[in-house]
Amino acid sequence: MPRYKRPPITEAVVEVLIATSIAMATVGRVRDRLKEYYPLEGQLRATNVEIGETTARVLGEQLQGYRLTAADGASIVSVTTQSVSTSRLPPYDGWESFITDARRNWEIWKRVVGWQKIARVGVRYLNRLDVPTEAPVSVDDYLTFTIKGPPLDLPPMHSFAIQEARPLGKDHCQLVLNAGLVPSPLIRTMSLLLDIDVSRMDELPQNDEGLWAFVDRVREYKNLIFEACITDRARELFDR
């Protein structure tokens, strides 16, 4: 994959999900070990709702884990009763740095929790393509796929969303691809979301060597998918 001057990555995620839940007290011990690297703490809570025929009643919230953030505000780890997830927000400083953090966080998790059967591994990259709107913009100029509207003489499309889910055909992986127009944080700009999620739930490696070798391969698949989704005109945006 080309190395772009300004990669459009808004979030990169590597998540490892285990087969059985652990106690919240154990999750708390994982949090305490991770706070050396991620001192800013937040909680992950789930809302319990009772649905009736005509009403819905909130029964309360349940603590499920912690979202910890590094002092730079860009490196994040989330730990729950079944998962450890490492994220990187902009500025994205490369796969090597990111995966080093993910491996360290997994090692800390294992030291506290012990080895547990792995049930799912996922690699997800959210990208935002910021297209200047000084001239009329066509989505087809930047993505190799788009939604096709009815053959009517209509004004330009101002919103769309696409989701595709299918087997990847490699390493028992599944691909979920989301794309669409999203609100732009920049003036005179149209922003396109390209969200690539590659995961595996079957016949997973159950040792560290196999786990991280697989994650490295998924990164290669993700890169191939990204490059297949964008045009040369989109690539010009990342090299300005």
C-alpha atoms as a PDB file:
ATOM      1  CA  MET A   1       0.000   0.000   0.000  1.00  0.00           C
ATOM      2  CA  PRO A   2       1.325   3.500  -0.780  1.00  0.00           C
ATOM      3  CA  ARG A   3       2.468   5.604   2.167  1.00  0.00           C
ATOM      4  CA  TYR A   4       0.393   8.748   2.007  1.00  0.00           C
ATOM      5  CA  LYS A   5       1.420  12.127   3.409  1.00  0.00           C
ATOM      6  CA  ARG A   6      -2.019  12.614   4.924  1.00  0.00           C
ATOM      7  CA  PRO A   7      -3.717   9.232   5.409  1.00  0.00           C
ATOM      8  CA  PRO A   8      -7.492   9.664   5.829  1.00  0.00           C
ATOM      9  CA  ILE A   9      -7.685   7.381   8.884  1.00  0.00           C
ATOM     10  CA  THR A  10      -9.930   8.745  11.637  1.00  0.00           C
ATOM     11  CA  GLU A  11      -9.760   5.614  13.799  1.00  0.00           C
ATOM     12  CA  ALA A  12      -7.914   2.294  13.700  1.00  0.00           C
ATOM     13  CA  VAL A  13      -9.063  -0.571  15.931  1.00  0.00           C
ATOM     14  CA  VAL A  14      -7.776  -4.034  16.811  1.00  0.00           C
ATOM     15  CA  GLU A  15     -10.105  -6.069  19.038  1.00  0.00           C
ATOM     16  CA  VAL A  16      -9.698  -9.507  20.609  1.00  0.00           C
ATOM     17  CA  LEU A  17     -12.881 -11.085  22.025  1.00  0.00           C
ATOM     18  CA  ILE A  18     -12.747 -14.081  24.341  1.00  0.00           C
ATOM     19  CA  ALA A  19     -15.305 -16.878  24.538  1.00  0.00           C
ATOM     20  CA  THR A  20     -16.382 -16.500  28.187  1.00  0.00           C
ATOM     21  CA  SER A  21     -16.967 -13.474  30.391  1.00  0.00           C
ATOM     22  CA  ILE A  22     -14.668 -12.601  33.276  1.00  0.00           C
ATOM     23  CA  ALA A  23     -15.609 -10.863  36.518  1.00  0.00           C
ATOM     24  CA  MET A  24     -15.755  -7.059  36.666  1.00  0.00           C
ATOM     25  CA  ALA A  25     -13.280  -7.165  39.553  1.00  0.00           C
ATOM     26  CA  THR A  26     -10.768  -8.787  37.189  1.00  0.00           C
ATOM     27  CA  VAL A  27     -11.489  -6.161  34.530  1.00  0.00           C
ATOM     28  CA  GLY A  28     -10.722  -3.570  37.204  1.00  0.00           C
ATOM     29  CA  ARG A  29      -7.306  -5.125  37.799  1.00  0.00           C
ATOM     30  CA  VAL A  30      -6.596  -5.007  34.051  1.00  0.00           C
ATOM     31  CA  ARG A  31      -7.580  -1.322  34.092  1.00  0.00           C
ATOM     32  CA  ASP A  32      -5.203  -0.639  36.969  1.00  0.00           C
ATOM     33  CA  ARG A  33      -2.277  -2.176  35.062  1.00  0.00           C
ATOM     34  CA  LEU A  34      -3.089  -0.253  31.887  1.00  0.00           C
ATOM     35  CA  LYS A  35      -3.366   3.132  33.590  1.00  0.00           C
ATOM     36  CA  GLU A  36       0.426   3.471  33.458  1.00  0.00           C
ATOM     37  CA  TYR A  37      -0.023   4.062  29.716  1.00  0.00           C
ATOM     38  CA  TYR A  38      -3.600   5.376  29.653  1.00  0.00           C
ATOM     39  CA  PRO A  39      -4.161   7.648  32.665  1.00  0.00           C
ATOM     40  CA  LEU A  40      -7.520   9.135  31.590  1.00  0.00           C
ATOM     41  CA  GLU A  41     -10.399   6.887  32.635  1.00  0.00           C
ATOM     42  CA  GLY A  42     -13.965   6.543  31.414  1.00  0.00           C
ATOM     43  CA  GLN A  43     -16.579   3.862  31.977  1.00  0.00           C
ATOM     44  CA  LEU A  44     -18.428   1.657  29.491  1.00  0.00           C
ATOM     45  CA  ARG A  45     -22.032   1.112  30.574  1.00  0.00           C
ATOM     46  CA  ALA A  46     -25.005  -0.710  29.085  1.00  0.00           C
ATOM     47  CA  THR A  47     -28.570   0.479  29.624  1.00  0.00           C
ATOM     48  CA  ASN A  48     -31.104  -2.190  30.559  1.00  0.00           C
ATOM     49  CA  VAL A  49     -34.520  -1.503  29.029  1.00  0.00           C
ATOM     50  CA  GLU A  50     -37.785  -3.385  29.558  1.00  0.00           C
ATOM     51  CA  ILE A  51     -39.933  -3.292  26.408  1.00  0.00           C
ATOM     52  CA  GLY A  52     -43.700  -3.536  26.847  1.00  0.00           C
ATOM     53  CA  GLU A  53     -46.462  -3.571  24.258  1.00  0.00           C
ATOM     54  CA  THR A  54     -46.773   0.207  24.256  1.00  0.00           C
ATOM     55  CA  THR A  55     -44.015   1.469  26.553  1.00  0.00           C
ATOM     56  CA  ALA A  56     -40.315   1.078  27.297  1.00  0.00           C
ATOM     57  CA  ARG A  57     -38.946   1.387  30.820  1.00  0.00           C
ATOM     58  CA  VAL A  58     -35.289   1.997  31.714  1.00  0.00           C
ATOM     59  CA  LEU A  59     -34.325  -0.442  34.456  1.00  0.00           C
ATOM     60  CA  GLY A  60     -30.862   0.965  35.045  1.00  0.00           C
ATOM     61  CA  GLU A  61     -27.304   0.860  33.826  1.00  0.00           C
ATOM     62  CA  GLN A  62     -24.705  -1.846  34.209  1.00  0.00           C
ATOM     63  CA  LEU A  63     -20.944  -1.334  34.219  1.00  0.00           C
ATOM     64  CA  GLN A  64     -19.358  -3.395  31.449  1.00  0.00           C
ATOM     65  CA  GLY A  65     -15.813  -2.103  31.361  1.00  0.00           C
ATOM     66  CA  TYR A  66     -13.493   0.863  30.990  1.00  0.00           C
ATOM     67  CA  ARG A  67     -12.311   3.125  28.183  1.00  0.00           C
ATOM     68  CA  LEU A  68      -8.851   4.452  28.950  1.00  0.00           C
ATOM     69  CA  THR A  69      -7.128   7.229  27.033  1.00  0.00           C
ATOM     70  CA  ALA A  70      -3.451   8.197  26.844  1.00  0.00           C
ATOM     71  CA  ALA A  71      -2.323  11.710  27.742  1.00  0.00           C
ATOM     72  CA  ASP A  72      -2.093  12.582  24.027  1.00  0.00           C
ATOM     73  CA  GLY A  73      -5.826  11.914  23.618  1.00  0.00           C
ATOM     74  CA  ALA A  74      -5.205   9.775  20.523  1.00  0.00           C
ATOM     75  CA  SER A  75      -4.334   6.331  21.921  1.00  0.00           C
ATOM     76  CA  ILE A  76      -7.191   4.410  23.556  1.00  0.00           C
ATOM     77  CA  VAL A  77      -7.775   0.988  25.069  1.00  0.00           C
ATOM     78  CA  SER A  78     -11.173  -0.445  26.006  1.00  0.00           C
ATOM     79  CA  VAL A  79     -11.463  -3.437  28.330  1.00  0.00           C
ATOM     80  CA  THR A  80     -14.712  -5.265  29.075  1.00  0.00           C
ATOM     81  CA  THR A  81     -15.721  -8.575  30.588  1.00  0.00           C
ATOM     82  CA  GLN A  82     -15.077 -10.242  27.203  1.00  0.00           C
ATOM     83  CA  SER A  83     -12.710  -8.086  25.172  1.00  0.00           C
ATOM     84  CA  VAL A  84      -9.672  -5.873  24.901  1.00  0.00           C
ATOM     85  CA  SER A  85      -9.699  -3.309  22.103  1.00  0.00           C
ATOM     86  CA  THR A  86      -6.885  -0.932  21.123  1.00  0.00           C
ATOM     87  CA  SER A  87      -7.700   2.201  19.099  1.00  0.00           C
ATOM     88  CA  ARG A  88      -5.748   5.013  17.511  1.00  0.00           C
ATOM     89  CA  LEU A  89      -7.209   8.395  16.534  1.00  0.00           C
ATOM     90  CA  PRO A  90      -5.439  11.034  14.411  1.00  0.00           C
ATOM     91  CA  PRO A  91      -2.613  11.626  14.014  1.00  0.00           C
ATOM     92  CA  TYR A  92      -2.126   8.032  12.898  1.00  0.00           C
ATOM     93  CA  ASP A  93       1.586   7.337  13.132  1.00  0.00           C
ATOM     94  CA  GLY A  94       1.757   4.010  11.338  1.00  0.00           C
ATOM     95  CA  TRP A  95       0.940   0.342  11.761  1.00  0.00           C
ATOM     96  CA  GLU A  96       4.141  -0.562  13.596  1.00  0.00           C
ATOM     97  CA  SER A  97       3.487   1.839  16.460  1.00  0.00           C
ATOM     98  CA  PHE A  98      -0.203   0.964  16.609  1.00  0.00           C
ATOM     99  CA  ILE A  99       0.243  -2.807  16.643  1.00  0.00           C
ATOM    100  CA  THR A 100       3.007  -2.509  19.266  1.00  0.00           C
ATOM    101  CA  ASP A 101       0.454  -0.878  21.572  1.00  0.00           C
ATOM    102  CA  ALA A 102      -2.137  -3.559  20.789  1.00  0.00           C
ATOM    103  CA  ARG A 103       0.289  -6.375  21.586  1.00  0.00           C
ATOM    104  CA  ARG A 104       1.384  -4.727  24.833  1.00  0.00           C
ATOM    105  CA  ASN A 105      -2.248  -4.289  25.930  1.00  0.00           C
ATOM    106  CA  TRP A 106      -2.997  -7.946  25.155  1.00  0.00           C
ATOM    107  CA  GLU A 107       0.037  -9.035  27.183  1.00  0.00           C
ATOM    108  CA  ILE A 108      -1.144  -6.980  30.168  1.00  0.00           C
ATOM    109  CA  TRP A 109      -4.638  -8.470  29.798  1.00  0.00           C
ATOM    110  CA  LYS A 110      -3.222 -12.024  29.751  1.00  0.00           C
ATOM    111  CA  ARG A 111      -1.021 -11.449  32.790  1.00  0.00           C
ATOM    112  CA  VAL A 112      -4.077 -10.531  34.818  1.00  0.00           C
ATOM    113  CA  VAL A 113      -6.770 -12.723  33.263  1.00  0.00           C
ATOM    114  CA  GLY A 114      -4.724 -15.708  32.086  1.00  0.00           C
ATOM    115  CA  TRP A 115      -5.089 -17.313  28.688  1.00  0.00           C
ATOM    116  CA  GLN A 116      -8.708 -17.556  27.527  1.00  0.00           C
ATOM    117  CA  LYS A 117     -10.109 -19.082  24.363  1.00  0.00           C
ATOM    118  CA  ILE A 118     -10.255 -16.454  21.599  1.00  0.00           C
ATOM    119  CA  ALA A 119     -13.699 -16.182  19.982  1.00  0.00           C
ATOM    120  CA  ARG A 120     -13.262 -13.285  17.564  1.00  0.00           C
ATOM    121  CA  VAL A 121     -10.495 -11.055  16.203  1.00  0.00           C
ATOM    122  CA  GLY A 122     -11.285  -7.889  14.288  1.00  0.00           C
ATOM    123  CA  VAL A 123      -9.358  -5.128  12.543  1.00  0.00           C
ATOM    124  CA  ARG A 124     -11.334  -2.010  11.654  1.00  0.00           C
ATOM    125  CA  TYR A 125     -10.289   1.200   9.927  1.00  0.00           C
ATOM    126  CA  LEU A 126     -12.541   4.231   9.621  1.00  0.00           C
ATOM    127  CA  ASN A 127     -11.470   6.656   6.906  1.00  0.00           C
ATOM    128  CA  ARG A 128     -12.824  10.108   6.049  1.00  0.00           C
ATOM    129  CA  LEU A 129     -12.186  11.501   2.591  1.00  0.00           C
ATOM    130  CA  ASP A 130     -12.456  15.304   2.710  1.00  0.00           C
ATOM    131  CA  VAL A 131     -13.264  16.618  -0.763  1.00  0.00           C
ATOM    132  CA  PRO A 132     -13.159  20.385  -1.468  1.00  0.00           C
ATOM    133  CA  THR A 133     -16.435  21.672  -2.901  1.00  0.00           C
ATOM    134  CA  GLU A 134     -15.233  24.740  -4.825  1.00  0.00           C
ATOM    135  CA  ALA A 135     -16.602  22.916  -7.901  1.00  0.00           C
ATOM    136  CA  PRO A 136     -19.457  20.388  -8.141  1.00  0.00           C
ATOM    137  CA  VAL A 137     -18.460  17.019  -6.683  1.00  0.00           C
ATOM    138  CA  SER A 138     -19.400  13.555  -7.935  1.00  0.00           C
ATOM    139  CA  VAL A 139     -18.948  10.645  -5.539  1.00  0.00           C
ATOM    140  CA  ASP A 140     -17.915   8.494  -8.513  1.00  0.00           C
ATOM    141  CA  ASP A 141     -14.787  10.623  -8.856  1.00  0.00           C
ATOM    142  CA  TYR A 142     -13.513   9.381  -5.460  1.00  0.00           C
ATOM    143  CA  LEU A 143     -15.058   5.960  -4.772  1.00  0.00           C
ATOM    144  CA  THR A 144     -15.095   3.043  -7.193  1.00  0.00           C
ATOM    145  CA  PHE A 145     -18.641   2.192  -6.104  1.00  0.00           C
ATOM    146  CA  THR A 146     -21.699   4.221  -5.196  1.00  0.00           C
ATOM    147  CA  ILE A 147     -25.455   4.021  -5.007  1.00  0.00           C
ATOM    148  CA  LYS A 148     -27.334   4.397  -8.276  1.00  0.00           C
ATOM    149  CA  GLY A 149     -30.499   6.451  -8.172  1.00  0.00           C
ATOM    150  CA  PRO A 150     -33.528   6.196 -10.459  1.00  0.00           C
ATOM    151  CA  PRO A 151     -33.097   7.434 -14.052  1.00  0.00           C
ATOM    152  CA  LEU A 152     -34.826  10.748 -13.376  1.00  0.00           C
ATOM    153  CA  ASP A 153     -33.736  14.334 -13.875  1.00  0.00           C
ATOM    154  CA  LEU A 154     -33.148  15.073 -10.173  1.00  0.00           C
ATOM    155  CA  PRO A 155     -30.918  17.532  -8.291  1.00  0.00           C
ATOM    156  CA  PRO A 156     -27.546  16.197  -7.057  1.00  0.00           C
ATOM    157  CA  MET A 157     -27.604  13.632  -4.262  1.00  0.00           C
ATOM    158  CA  HIS A 158     -26.778  15.123  -0.845  1.00  0.00           C
ATOM    159  CA  SER A 159     -26.760  11.964   1.286  1.00  0.00           C
ATOM    160  CA  PHE A 160     -26.292   8.218   0.879  1.00  0.00           C
ATOM    161  CA  ALA A 161     -25.296   5.158   2.908  1.00  0.00           C
ATOM    162  CA  ILE A 162     -24.141   1.716   1.782  1.00  0.00           C
ATOM    163  CA  GLN A 163     -23.386  -1.420   3.804  1.00  0.00           C
ATOM    164  CA  GLU A 164     -21.970  -4.604   2.341  1.00  0.00           C
ATOM    165  CA  ALA A 165     -21.316  -7.775   4.345  1.00  0.00           C
ATOM    166  CA  ARG A 166     -19.782 -10.870   2.795  1.00  0.00           C
ATOM    167  CA  PRO A 167     -17.146 -13.570   3.301  1.00  0.00           C
ATOM    168  CA  LEU A 168     -13.742 -12.267   2.307  1.00  0.00           C
ATOM    169  CA  GLY A 169     -12.601 -15.608   0.897  1.00  0.00           C
ATOM    170  CA  LYS A 170      -9.325 -15.469   2.834  1.00  0.00           C
ATOM    171  CA  ASP A 171      -8.418 -16.859   6.276  1.00  0.00           C
ATOM    172  CA  HIS A 172     -12.093 -17.531   7.157  1.00  0.00           C
ATOM    173  CA  CYS A 173     -12.573 -13.747   7.369  1.00  0.00           C
ATOM    174  CA  GLN A 174     -15.753 -11.720   7.084  1.00  0.00           C
ATOM    175  CA  LEU A 175     -15.863  -8.232   5.582  1.00  0.00           C
ATOM    176  CA  VAL A 176     -18.273  -5.477   6.560  1.00  0.00           C
ATOM    177  CA  LEU A 177     -17.908  -2.376   4.412  1.00  0.00           C
ATOM    178  CA  ASN A 178     -19.769   0.869   5.161  1.00  0.00           C
ATOM    179  CA  ALA A 179     -19.642   3.986   3.020  1.00  0.00           C
ATOM    180  CA  GLY A 180     -21.611   7.189   2.798  1.00  0.00           C
ATOM    181  CA  LEU A 181     -21.704  10.932   3.180  1.00  0.00           C
ATOM    182  CA  VAL A 182     -21.084  12.220   6.697  1.00  0.00           C
ATOM    183  CA  PRO A 183     -21.152  15.758   8.146  1.00  0.00           C
ATOM    184  CA  SER A 184     -17.863  17.474   7.409  1.00  0.00           C
ATOM    185  CA  PRO A 185     -15.912  19.236  10.170  1.00  0.00           C
ATOM    186  CA  LEU A 186     -14.362  21.481   7.501  1.00  0.00           C
ATOM    187  CA  ILE A 187     -15.887  24.389   5.624  1.00  0.00           C
ATOM    188  CA  ARG A 188     -16.547  24.108   1.875  1.00  0.00           C
ATOM    189  CA  THR A 189     -15.850  20.374   2.079  1.00  0.00           C
ATOM    190  CA  MET A 190     -17.794  17.172   1.437  1.00  0.00           C
ATOM    191  CA  SER A 191     -16.742  14.219   3.599  1.00  0.00           C
ATOM    192  CA  LEU A 192     -17.039  10.582   2.545  1.00  0.00           C
ATOM    193  CA  LEU A 193     -16.917   7.752   5.087  1.00  0.00           C
ATOM    194  CA  LEU A 194     -15.126   4.533   4.166  1.00  0.00           C
ATOM    195  CA  ASP A 195     -15.357   2.066   7.059  1.00  0.00           C
ATOM    196  CA  ILE A 196     -13.592  -1.296   6.572  1.00  0.00           C
ATOM    197  CA  ASP A 197     -14.092  -4.034   9.185  1.00  0.00           C
ATOM    198  CA  VAL A 198     -12.402  -7.424   8.704  1.00  0.00           C
ATOM    199  CA  SER A 199     -12.986 -10.095  11.333  1.00  0.00           C
ATOM    200  CA  ARG A 200     -12.776 -13.815  11.956  1.00  0.00           C
ATOM    201  CA  MET A 201     -14.761 -16.050  14.311  1.00  0.00           C
ATOM    202  CA  ASP A 202     -13.981 -19.564  13.043  1.00  0.00           C
ATOM    203  CA  GLU A 203     -10.857 -21.709  13.487  1.00  0.00           C
ATOM    204  CA  LEU A 204      -8.964 -18.915  15.211  1.00  0.00           C
ATOM    205  CA  PRO A 205      -5.331 -19.303  16.262  1.00  0.00           C
ATOM    206  CA  GLN A 206      -5.105 -19.932  19.994  1.00  0.00           C
ATOM    207  CA  ASN A 207      -1.528 -18.796  20.641  1.00  0.00           C
ATOM    208  CA  ASP A 208       0.212 -15.449  20.438  1.00  0.00           C
ATOM    209  CA  GLU A 209       2.371 -16.273  17.438  1.00  0.00           C
ATOM    210  CA  GLY A 210      -0.627 -17.351  15.384  1.00  0.00           C
ATOM    211  CA  LEU A 211      -2.808 -14.497  16.647  1.00  0.00           C
ATOM    212  CA  TRP A 212      -0.481 -11.673  15.643  1.00  0.00           C
ATOM    213  CA  ALA A 213       0.574 -13.321  12.388  1.00  0.00           C
ATOM    214  CA  PHE A 214      -3.121 -13.439  11.511  1.00  0.00           C
ATOM    215  CA  VAL A 215      -3.637  -9.784  12.489  1.00  0.00           C
ATOM    216  CA  ASP A 216      -0.741  -8.805  10.217  1.00  0.00           C
ATOM    217  CA  ARG A 217      -2.389 -10.645   7.331  1.00  0.00           C
ATOM    218  CA  VAL A 218      -5.706  -8.920   8.027  1.00  0.00           C
ATOM    219  CA  ARG A 219      -3.947  -5.592   7.787  1.00  0.00           C
ATOM    220  CA  GLU A 220      -2.796  -6.575   4.285  1.00  0.00           C
ATOM    221  CA  TYR A 221      -6.357  -7.542   3.333  1.00  0.00           C
ATOM    222  CA  LYS A 222      -7.618  -4.224   4.682  1.00  0.00           C
ATOM    223  CA  ASN A 223      -5.090  -2.336   2.575  1.00  0.00           C
ATOM    224  CA  LEU A 224      -6.099  -4.212  -0.587  1.00  0.00           C
ATOM    225  CA  ILE A 225      -9.775  -3.450   0.079  1.00  0.00           C
ATOM    226  CA  PHE A 226      -9.068   0.233   0.716  1.00  0.00           C
ATOM    227  CA  GLU A 227      -7.086   0.636  -2.481  1.00  0.00           C
ATOM    228  CA  ALA A 228      -9.795  -1.176  -4.456  1.00  0.00           C
ATOM    229  CA  CYS A 229     -12.431   1.240  -3.102  1.00  0.00           C
ATOM    230  CA  ILE A 230     -10.767   4.541  -4.045  1.00  0.00           C
ATOM    231  CA  THR A 231      -9.831   6.293  -7.279  1.00  0.00           C
ATOM    232  CA  ASP A 232      -6.635   8.087  -8.279  1.00  0.00           C
ATOM    233  CA  ARG A 233      -8.431  11.362  -7.660  1.00  0.00           C
ATOM    234  CA  ALA A 234      -9.033  10.290  -4.059  1.00  0.00           C
ATOM    235  CA  ARG A 235      -5.360   9.352  -3.694  1.00  0.00           C
ATOM    236  CA  GLU A 236      -4.416  12.898  -4.704  1.00  0.00           C
ATOM    237  CA  LEU A 237      -6.259  14.151  -1.599  1.00  0.00           C
ATOM    238  CA  PHE A 238      -3.936  12.174   0.692  1.00  0.00           C
ATOM    239  CA  ASP A 239      -0.695  13.382  -0.916  1.00  0.00           C
ATOM    240  CA  ARG A 240      -1.293  17.130  -0.822  1.00  0.00           C
END
